C-alpha atoms as a PDB file:
ATOM      1  CA  UNK A   1     -20.065 -63.090 -25.793  1.00  0.00           C
ATOM      2  CA  UNK A   2     -21.629 -62.194 -22.869  1.00  0.00           C
ATOM      3  CA  UNK A   3     -19.655 -59.198 -20.290  1.00  0.00           C
ATOM      4  CA  UNK A   4     -18.704 -62.643 -17.778  1.00  0.00           C
ATOM      5  CA  UNK A   5     -15.771 -61.560 -16.180  1.00  0.00           C
ATOM      6  CA  UNK A   6     -15.405 -64.902 -13.715  1.00  0.00           C
ATOM      7  CA  UNK A   7     -17.670 -67.056 -15.617  1.00  0.00           C
ATOM      8  CA  UNK A   8     -15.098 -68.619 -17.456  1.00  0.00           C
ATOM      9  CA  UNK A   9     -13.047 -69.483 -14.548  1.00  0.00           C
ATOM     10  CA  UNK A  10     -15.910 -69.214 -11.231  1.00  0.00           C
ATOM     11  CA  UNK A  11     -11.991 -53.904 -10.028  1.00  0.00           C
ATOM     12  CA  UNK A  12     -10.135 -50.834  -8.898  1.00  0.00           C
ATOM     13  CA  UNK A  13     -11.573 -48.496  -6.478  1.00  0.00           C
ATOM     14  CA  UNK A  14      -9.915 -45.375  -4.468  1.00  0.00           C
ATOM     15  CA  UNK A  15      -8.685 -47.488  -1.989  1.00  0.00           C
ATOM     16  CA  UNK A  16      -6.465 -49.979  -4.186  1.00  0.00           C
ATOM     17  CA  UNK A  17      -5.142 -46.559  -6.279  1.00  0.00           C
ATOM     18  CA  UNK A  18      -5.671 -45.828  -9.833  1.00  0.00           C
ATOM     19  CA  UNK A  19      -4.596 -43.032 -12.205  1.00  0.00           C
ATOM     20  CA  UNK A  20      -3.642 -39.168 -11.366  1.00  0.00           C
ATOM     21  CA  UNK A  21      -6.508 -37.289 -12.243  1.00  0.00           C
ATOM     22  CA  UNK A  22      -4.258 -34.994 -14.557  1.00  0.00           C
ATOM     23  CA  UNK A  23      -3.818 -34.518 -17.893  1.00  0.00           C
ATOM     24  CA  UNK A  24      -0.527 -35.741 -19.833  1.00  0.00           C
ATOM     25  CA  UNK A  25       0.835 -34.257 -22.523  1.00  0.00           C
ATOM     26  CA  UNK A  26      -0.704 -35.133 -26.051  1.00  0.00           C
ATOM     27  CA  UNK A  27       0.417 -38.276 -27.141  1.00  0.00           C
ATOM     28  CA  UNK A  28       1.107 -38.481 -31.471  1.00  0.00           C
ATOM     29  CA  UNK A  29      -2.030 -38.592 -32.688  1.00  0.00           C
ATOM     30  CA  UNK A  30      -0.299 -41.943 -34.863  1.00  0.00           C
ATOM     31  CA  UNK A  31      -1.375 -45.299 -33.876  1.00  0.00           C
ATOM     32  CA  UNK A  32       1.585 -47.675 -33.565  1.00  0.00           C
ATOM     33  CA  UNK A  33       1.418 -50.477 -35.772  1.00  0.00           C
ATOM     34  CA  UNK A  34       2.721 -53.141 -33.452  1.00  0.00           C
ATOM     35  CA  UNK A  35       0.666 -52.868 -30.638  1.00  0.00           C
ATOM     36  CA  UNK A  36      -1.740 -56.002 -31.080  1.00  0.00           C
ATOM     37  CA  UNK A  37      -5.251 -55.808 -30.666  1.00  0.00           C
ATOM     38  CA  UNK A  38      -7.033 -57.834 -27.839  1.00  0.00           C
ATOM     39  CA  UNK A  39      -9.720 -58.386 -30.164  1.00  0.00           C
ATOM     40  CA  UNK A  40      -6.955 -60.952 -31.689  1.00  0.00           C
ATOM     41  CA  UNK A  41      -7.105 -63.132 -28.985  1.00  0.00           C
ATOM     42  CA  UNK A  42      -9.163 -65.707 -27.356  1.00  0.00           C
ATOM     43  CA  UNK A  43     -11.199 -65.643 -24.407  1.00  0.00           C
ATOM     44  CA  UNK A  44      -9.386 -64.951 -21.723  1.00  0.00           C
ATOM     45  CA  UNK A  45      -6.091 -65.992 -23.406  1.00  0.00           C
ATOM     46  CA  UNK A  46      -2.743 -65.640 -21.910  1.00  0.00           C
ATOM     47  CA  UNK A  47      -1.506 -62.003 -22.340  1.00  0.00           C
ATOM     48  CA  UNK A  48       2.540 -61.468 -22.486  1.00  0.00           C
ATOM     49  CA  UNK A  49       3.812 -58.805 -20.697  1.00  0.00           C
ATOM     50  CA  UNK A  50       3.427 -56.125 -23.527  1.00  0.00           C
ATOM     51  CA  UNK A  51       1.706 -53.273 -25.285  1.00  0.00           C
ATOM     52  CA  UNK A  52      -1.862 -54.238 -26.320  1.00  0.00           C
ATOM     53  CA  UNK A  53      -5.161 -52.290 -27.388  1.00  0.00           C
ATOM     54  CA  UNK A  54      -8.800 -51.922 -27.822  1.00  0.00           C
ATOM     55  CA  UNK A  55     -10.567 -50.044 -30.236  1.00  0.00           C
ATOM     56  CA  UNK A  56     -14.242 -49.051 -28.069  1.00  0.00           C
ATOM     57  CA  UNK A  57     -16.327 -47.892 -30.476  1.00  0.00           C
ATOM     58  CA  UNK A  58     -17.358 -48.977 -34.636  1.00  0.00           C
ATOM     59  CA  UNK A  59     -14.528 -47.604 -35.811  1.00  0.00           C
ATOM     60  CA  UNK A  60     -10.865 -48.112 -35.247  1.00  0.00           C
ATOM     61  CA  UNK A  61     -10.425 -44.582 -33.930  1.00  0.00           C
ATOM     62  CA  UNK A  62     -10.088 -43.950 -30.929  1.00  0.00           C
ATOM     63  CA  UNK A  63      -7.930 -46.743 -29.571  1.00  0.00           C
ATOM     64  CA  UNK A  64      -6.941 -46.882 -25.907  1.00  0.00           C
ATOM     65  CA  UNK A  65      -3.098 -48.688 -25.611  1.00  0.00           C
ATOM     66  CA  UNK A  66      -1.940 -50.046 -22.291  1.00  0.00           C
ATOM     67  CA  UNK A  67       0.659 -51.936 -21.072  1.00  0.00           C
ATOM     68  CA  UNK A  68       0.143 -55.244 -19.239  1.00  0.00           C
ATOM     69  CA  UNK A  69       3.092 -55.221 -16.680  1.00  0.00           C
ATOM     70  CA  UNK A  70       3.944 -59.184 -15.665  1.00  0.00           C
ATOM     71  CA  UNK A  71       2.599 -62.594 -16.575  1.00  0.00           C
ATOM     72  CA  UNK A  72      -0.608 -64.142 -15.225  1.00  0.00           C
ATOM     73  CA  UNK A  73      -2.774 -61.715 -17.106  1.00  0.00           C
ATOM     74  CA  UNK A  74      -5.745 -62.906 -19.429  1.00  0.00           C
ATOM     75  CA  UNK A  75      -7.839 -61.589 -22.330  1.00  0.00           C
ATOM     76  CA  UNK A  76     -10.632 -59.467 -21.934  1.00  0.00           C
ATOM     77  CA  UNK A  77     -12.231 -55.538 -23.448  1.00  0.00           C
ATOM     78  CA  UNK A  78      -8.820 -55.270 -21.523  1.00  0.00           C
ATOM     79  CA  UNK A  79      -7.078 -57.152 -18.949  1.00  0.00           C
ATOM     80  CA  UNK A  80      -8.106 -59.200 -16.717  1.00  0.00           C
ATOM     81  CA  UNK A  81      -5.816 -61.243 -13.576  1.00  0.00           C
ATOM     82  CA  UNK A  82      -7.722 -64.058 -11.593  1.00  0.00           C
ATOM     83  CA  UNK A  83      -6.519 -64.743  -7.932  1.00  0.00           C
ATOM     84  CA  UNK A  84      -8.837 -67.597  -5.657  1.00  0.00           C
ATOM     85  CA  UNK A  85     -12.366 -66.687  -6.042  1.00  0.00           C
ATOM     86  CA  UNK A  86     -11.423 -63.538  -7.416  1.00  0.00           C
ATOM     87  CA  UNK A  87      -9.850 -60.386  -9.636  1.00  0.00           C
ATOM     88  CA  UNK A  88      -8.669 -57.397 -11.129  1.00  0.00           C
ATOM     89  CA  UNK A  89      -9.785 -56.544 -14.310  1.00  0.00           C
ATOM     90  CA  UNK A  90      -9.394 -53.033 -16.441  1.00  0.00           C
ATOM     91  CA  UNK A  91     -12.798 -52.564 -18.919  1.00  0.00           C
ATOM     92  CA  UNK A  92     -12.436 -50.765 -21.423  1.00  0.00           C
ATOM     93  CA  UNK A  93     -15.623 -50.056 -23.792  1.00  0.00           C
ATOM     94  CA  UNK A  94     -18.725 -47.665 -25.345  1.00  0.00           C
ATOM     95  CA  UNK A  95     -21.307 -48.623 -22.833  1.00  0.00           C
ATOM     96  CA  UNK A  96     -25.267 -47.403 -24.137  1.00  0.00           C
ATOM     97  CA  UNK A  97     -27.204 -48.484 -21.373  1.00  0.00           C
ATOM     98  CA  UNK A  98     -27.995 -49.990 -18.151  1.00  0.00           C
ATOM     99  CA  UNK A  99     -30.117 -52.801 -16.743  1.00  0.00           C
ATOM    100  CA  UNK A 100     -33.109 -50.956 -15.268  1.00  0.00           C
ATOM    101  CA  UNK A 101     -32.396 -52.977 -11.591  1.00  0.00           C
ATOM    102  CA  UNK A 102     -28.944 -54.616 -11.074  1.00  0.00           C
ATOM    103  CA  UNK A 103     -30.499 -57.277  -9.235  1.00  0.00           C
ATOM    104  CA  UNK A 104     -33.925 -57.746  -9.645  1.00  0.00           C
ATOM    105  CA  UNK A 105     -34.593 -56.225 -13.459  1.00  0.00           C
ATOM    106  CA  UNK A 106     -32.321 -56.992 -16.105  1.00  0.00           C
ATOM    107  CA  UNK A 107     -34.577 -55.810 -19.381  1.00  0.00           C
ATOM    108  CA  UNK A 108     -32.737 -52.178 -20.943  1.00  0.00           C
ATOM    109  CA  UNK A 109     -34.845 -49.096 -20.459  1.00  0.00           C
ATOM    110  CA  UNK A 110     -34.185 -46.212 -22.723  1.00  0.00           C
ATOM    111  CA  UNK A 111     -30.623 -45.609 -22.834  1.00  0.00           C
ATOM    112  CA  UNK A 112     -29.029 -43.174 -21.025  1.00  0.00           C
ATOM    113  CA  UNK A 113     -28.206 -39.784 -23.472  1.00  0.00           C
ATOM    114  CA  UNK A 114     -25.495 -39.415 -25.265  1.00  0.00           C
ATOM    115  CA  UNK A 115     -23.340 -37.819 -23.216  1.00  0.00           C
ATOM    116  CA  UNK A 116     -20.627 -38.136 -20.190  1.00  0.00           C
ATOM    117  CA  UNK A 117     -22.611 -36.577 -17.928  1.00  0.00           C
ATOM    118  CA  UNK A 118     -25.256 -38.589 -18.819  1.00  0.00           C
ATOM    119  CA  UNK A 119     -23.712 -42.216 -18.229  1.00  0.00           C
ATOM    120  CA  UNK A 120     -22.273 -41.181 -15.227  1.00  0.00           C
ATOM    121  CA  UNK A 121     -25.670 -40.349 -14.025  1.00  0.00           C
ATOM    122  CA  UNK A 122     -27.097 -43.037 -14.854  1.00  0.00           C
ATOM    123  CA  UNK A 123     -24.564 -45.100 -12.637  1.00  0.00           C
ATOM    124  CA  UNK A 124     -25.172 -43.427  -9.932  1.00  0.00           C
ATOM    125  CA  UNK A 125     -28.227 -43.984  -9.856  1.00  0.00           C
ATOM    126  CA  UNK A 126     -27.957 -47.642 -10.249  1.00  0.00           C
ATOM    127  CA  UNK A 127     -29.327 -50.014  -7.670  1.00  0.00           C
ATOM    128  CA  UNK A 128     -28.385 -51.774  -5.781  1.00  0.00           C
ATOM    129  CA  UNK A 129     -24.854 -50.970  -5.835  1.00  0.00           C
ATOM    130  CA  UNK A 130     -23.173 -48.139  -3.113  1.00  0.00           C
ATOM    131  CA  UNK A 131     -21.697 -44.849  -4.863  1.00  0.00           C
ATOM    132  CA  UNK A 132     -18.279 -45.029  -2.884  1.00  0.00           C
ATOM    133  CA  UNK A 133     -17.483 -41.721  -4.343  1.00  0.00           C
ATOM    134  CA  UNK A 134     -19.576 -39.737  -6.725  1.00  0.00           C
ATOM    135  CA  UNK A 135     -19.889 -38.437 -10.696  1.00  0.00           C
ATOM    136  CA  UNK A 136     -17.012 -35.812 -10.361  1.00  0.00           C
ATOM    137  CA  UNK A 137     -15.830 -33.738 -12.950  1.00  0.00           C
ATOM    138  CA  UNK A 138     -11.687 -34.464 -14.196  1.00  0.00           C
ATOM    139  CA  UNK A 139      -9.048 -34.551 -16.793  1.00  0.00           C
ATOM    140  CA  UNK A 140      -7.623 -37.129 -17.371  1.00  0.00           C
ATOM    141  CA  UNK A 141      -5.126 -39.371 -20.403  1.00  0.00           C
ATOM    142  CA  UNK A 142      -5.406 -35.537 -22.606  1.00  0.00           C
ATOM    143  CA  UNK A 143      -9.444 -35.801 -21.904  1.00  0.00           C
ATOM    144  CA  UNK A 144     -12.708 -33.938 -20.024  1.00  0.00           C
ATOM    145  CA  UNK A 145     -15.053 -36.434 -18.278  1.00  0.00           C
ATOM    146  CA  UNK A 146     -16.837 -37.751 -15.133  1.00  0.00           C
ATOM    147  CA  UNK A 147     -15.233 -40.173 -12.528  1.00  0.00           C
ATOM    148  CA  UNK A 148     -17.244 -42.479 -10.130  1.00  0.00           C
ATOM    149  CA  UNK A 149     -16.825 -45.369  -7.874  1.00  0.00           C
ATOM    150  CA  UNK A 150     -19.730 -47.932  -7.064  1.00  0.00           C
ATOM    151  CA  UNK A 151     -19.282 -50.659  -4.568  1.00  0.00           C
ATOM    152  CA  UNK A 152     -21.637 -54.061  -4.368  1.00  0.00           C
ATOM    153  CA  UNK A 153     -23.528 -54.122  -1.216  1.00  0.00           C
ATOM    154  CA  UNK A 154     -24.167 -56.352   1.303  1.00  0.00           C
ATOM    155  CA  UNK A 155     -26.065 -59.284  -0.675  1.00  0.00           C
ATOM    156  CA  UNK A 156     -25.649 -62.830   0.129  1.00  0.00           C
ATOM    157  CA  UNK A 157     -24.046 -64.992  -2.208  1.00  0.00           C
ATOM    158  CA  UNK A 158     -23.746 -68.566  -2.186  1.00  0.00           C
ATOM    159  CA  UNK A 159     -21.347 -71.190  -3.756  1.00  0.00           C
ATOM    160  CA  UNK A 160     -17.879 -70.916  -5.128  1.00  0.00           C
ATOM    161  CA  UNK A 161     -15.913 -69.544  -8.384  1.00  0.00           C
ATOM    162  CA  UNK A 162     -18.475 -70.499 -11.701  1.00  0.00           C
ATOM    163  CA  UNK A 163     -21.384 -71.548  -8.928  1.00  0.00           C
ATOM    164  CA  UNK A 164     -21.165 -68.351  -6.821  1.00  0.00           C
ATOM    165  CA  UNK A 165     -24.396 -66.659  -6.959  1.00  0.00           C
ATOM    166  CA  UNK A 166     -26.256 -63.415  -5.602  1.00  0.00           C
ATOM    167  CA  UNK A 167     -28.913 -65.922  -4.379  1.00  0.00           C
ATOM    168  CA  UNK A 168     -31.589 -62.676  -4.031  1.00  0.00           C
ATOM    169  CA  UNK A 169     -30.987 -62.055  -7.887  1.00  0.00           C
ATOM    170  CA  UNK A 170     -32.523 -62.727 -11.589  1.00  0.00           C
ATOM    171  CA  UNK A 171     -30.300 -65.469 -12.372  1.00  0.00           C
ATOM    172  CA  UNK A 172     -28.259 -64.983  -9.352  1.00  0.00           C
ATOM    173  CA  UNK A 173     -26.319 -62.646 -10.919  1.00  0.00           C
ATOM    174  CA  UNK A 174     -25.967 -58.616 -10.518  1.00  0.00           C
ATOM    175  CA  UNK A 175     -25.831 -56.663 -13.777  1.00  0.00           C
ATOM    176  CA  UNK A 176     -25.209 -53.923 -14.949  1.00  0.00           C
ATOM    177  CA  UNK A 177     -23.309 -51.702 -17.967  1.00  0.00           C
ATOM    178  CA  UNK A 178     -23.858 -52.739 -21.646  1.00  0.00           C
ATOM    179  CA  UNK A 179     -21.708 -52.510 -23.986  1.00  0.00           C
ATOM    180  CA  UNK A 180     -22.434 -54.446 -27.158  1.00  0.00           C
ATOM    181  CA  UNK A 181     -21.974 -56.553 -29.216  1.00  0.00           C
ATOM    182  CA  UNK A 182     -21.134 -58.393 -25.515  1.00  0.00           C
ATOM    183  CA  UNK A 183     -24.255 -57.441 -23.327  1.00  0.00           C
ATOM    184  CA  UNK A 184     -24.458 -56.394 -20.057  1.00  0.00           C
ATOM    185  CA  UNK A 185     -21.945 -57.094 -17.538  1.00  0.00           C
ATOM    186  CA  UNK A 186     -21.638 -59.802 -14.239  1.00  0.00           C
ATOM    187  CA  UNK A 187     -18.445 -60.340 -13.148  1.00  0.00           C
ATOM    188  CA  UNK A 188     -19.147 -59.192  -9.557  1.00  0.00           C
ATOM    189  CA  UNK A 189     -17.910 -61.664  -7.032  1.00  0.00           C
ATOM    190  CA  UNK A 190     -19.530 -60.275  -3.863  1.00  0.00           C
ATOM    191  CA  UNK A 191     -20.075 -57.436  -1.590  1.00  0.00           C
ATOM    192  CA  UNK A 192     -17.436 -55.639  -1.375  1.00  0.00           C
ATOM    193  CA  UNK A 193     -16.359 -55.802  -4.953  1.00  0.00           C
ATOM    194  CA  UNK A 194     -15.542 -52.146  -5.960  1.00  0.00           C
ATOM    195  CA  UNK A 195     -15.950 -50.588 -10.277  1.00  0.00           C
ATOM    196  CA  UNK A 196     -14.022 -47.594 -10.571  1.00  0.00           C
ATOM    197  CA  UNK A 197     -14.846 -45.524 -13.713  1.00  0.00           C
ATOM    198  CA  UNK A 198     -13.449 -42.786 -15.523  1.00  0.00           C
ATOM    199  CA  UNK A 199     -16.002 -41.744 -18.749  1.00  0.00           C
ATOM    200  CA  UNK A 200     -14.297 -39.366 -21.294  1.00  0.00           C
ATOM    201  CA  UNK A 201     -15.202 -37.420 -24.448  1.00  0.00           C
ATOM    202  CA  UNK A 202     -13.303 -38.002 -26.707  1.00  0.00           C
ATOM    203  CA  UNK A 203     -13.327 -35.796 -29.579  1.00  0.00           C
ATOM    204  CA  UNK A 204     -16.943 -37.031 -29.341  1.00  0.00           C
ATOM    205  CA  UNK A 205     -16.823 -40.573 -28.799  1.00  0.00           C
ATOM    206  CA  UNK A 206     -17.604 -41.587 -25.122  1.00  0.00           C
ATOM    207  CA  UNK A 207     -15.434 -43.593 -24.058  1.00  0.00           C
ATOM    208  CA  UNK A 208     -15.317 -45.939 -20.337  1.00  0.00           C
ATOM    209  CA  UNK A 209     -12.545 -47.105 -17.973  1.00  0.00           C
ATOM    210  CA  UNK A 210     -13.290 -48.716 -15.948  1.00  0.00           C
ATOM    211  CA  UNK A 211     -11.066 -51.064 -13.174  1.00  0.00           C
ATOM    212  CA  UNK A 212     -12.645 -53.789 -11.075  1.00  0.00           C
ATOM    213  CA  UNK A 213     -11.144 -55.904  -8.304  1.00  0.00           C
ATOM    214  CA  UNK A 214     -12.638 -58.295  -5.879  1.00  0.00           C
ATOM    215  CA  UNK A 215     -12.559 -56.958  -1.907  1.00  0.00           C
ATOM    216  CA  UNK A 216      -9.719 -59.749  -1.371  1.00  0.00           C
ATOM    217  CA  UNK A 217      -7.493 -59.176  -3.900  1.00  0.00           C
ATOM    218  CA  UNK A 218      -3.480 -59.371  -3.347  1.00  0.00           C
ATOM    219  CA  UNK A 219      -1.795 -56.214  -3.360  1.00  0.00           C
ATOM    220  CA  UNK A 220       0.533 -57.466  -6.164  1.00  0.00           C
ATOM    221  CA  UNK A 221      -2.569 -57.304  -8.752  1.00  0.00           C
ATOM    222  CA  UNK A 222      -3.707 -54.301  -7.242  1.00  0.00           C
ATOM    223  CA  UNK A 223       0.653 -52.616  -7.853  1.00  0.00           C
ATOM    224  CA  UNK A 224      -0.336 -54.367 -11.306  1.00  0.00           C
ATOM    225  CA  UNK A 225      -3.478 -52.773 -11.525  1.00  0.00           C
ATOM    226  CA  UNK A 226      -2.713 -49.366 -10.818  1.00  0.00           C
ATOM    227  CA  UNK A 227       0.577 -49.752 -13.020  1.00  0.00           C
ATOM    228  CA  UNK A 228      -1.690 -50.704 -16.066  1.00  0.00           C
ATOM    229  CA  UNK A 229      -3.694 -47.750 -15.330  1.00  0.00           C
ATOM    230  CA  UNK A 230      -0.976 -45.628 -15.322  1.00  0.00           C
ATOM    231  CA  UNK A 231      -0.235 -47.117 -18.506  1.00  0.00           C
ATOM    232  CA  UNK A 232      -2.587 -45.926 -20.968  1.00  0.00           C
ATOM    233  CA  UNK A 233      -2.663 -43.596 -23.687  1.00  0.00           C
ATOM    234  CA  UNK A 234      -5.490 -43.113 -26.196  1.00  0.00           C
ATOM    235  CA  UNK A 235      -4.949 -42.764 -29.924  1.00  0.00           C
ATOM    236  CA  UNK A 236      -7.082 -41.080 -32.734  1.00  0.00           C
END
């Protein structure tokens, strides 16, 4: 399955809110066995308001636990909620590479280095995105890392829903980060789409938590997205 957040039907920037740049108390390192893995749900299948987890790497640990706060959310590598032609989402992944250019060249260069700073710098340099919040050192969810925010610039878009295309881009798609085995993310809905990243070093594993939102996302959906981000805990 490709990382296509909108293709099955048609972010959360700093203006939409996000988790505080703080280090919460350490959590119980023993995973809770009753929490359901997102991987067991069908693609974009409905989620009940309860706890779920994503194990972003090849191993069962670490895993990222989060709470879906309300009805209307769907399966993803995290969770997503659609409204009209847009959506909000939380994506949880181990990002290994980026495309060379999000619009003009979707080939894969040599991967960025293995550190949090390597990936943050590579994302900040990925054209044609606008960096609306540059990479900054953070401590959050009990781990150190980097925070940054990217926004889709004023690129021409045509069509609606599944037929929406970035008219000047290869395949009509804007692509960015790559998280095996899913391929390159291309869920961008148009200019003003915002993607906020928390890139963390979790005991040597580089874990990426991304919050995405379309510019016309309803306030209710943004509030639920903030609640989901605030609910996150990382278990080893």
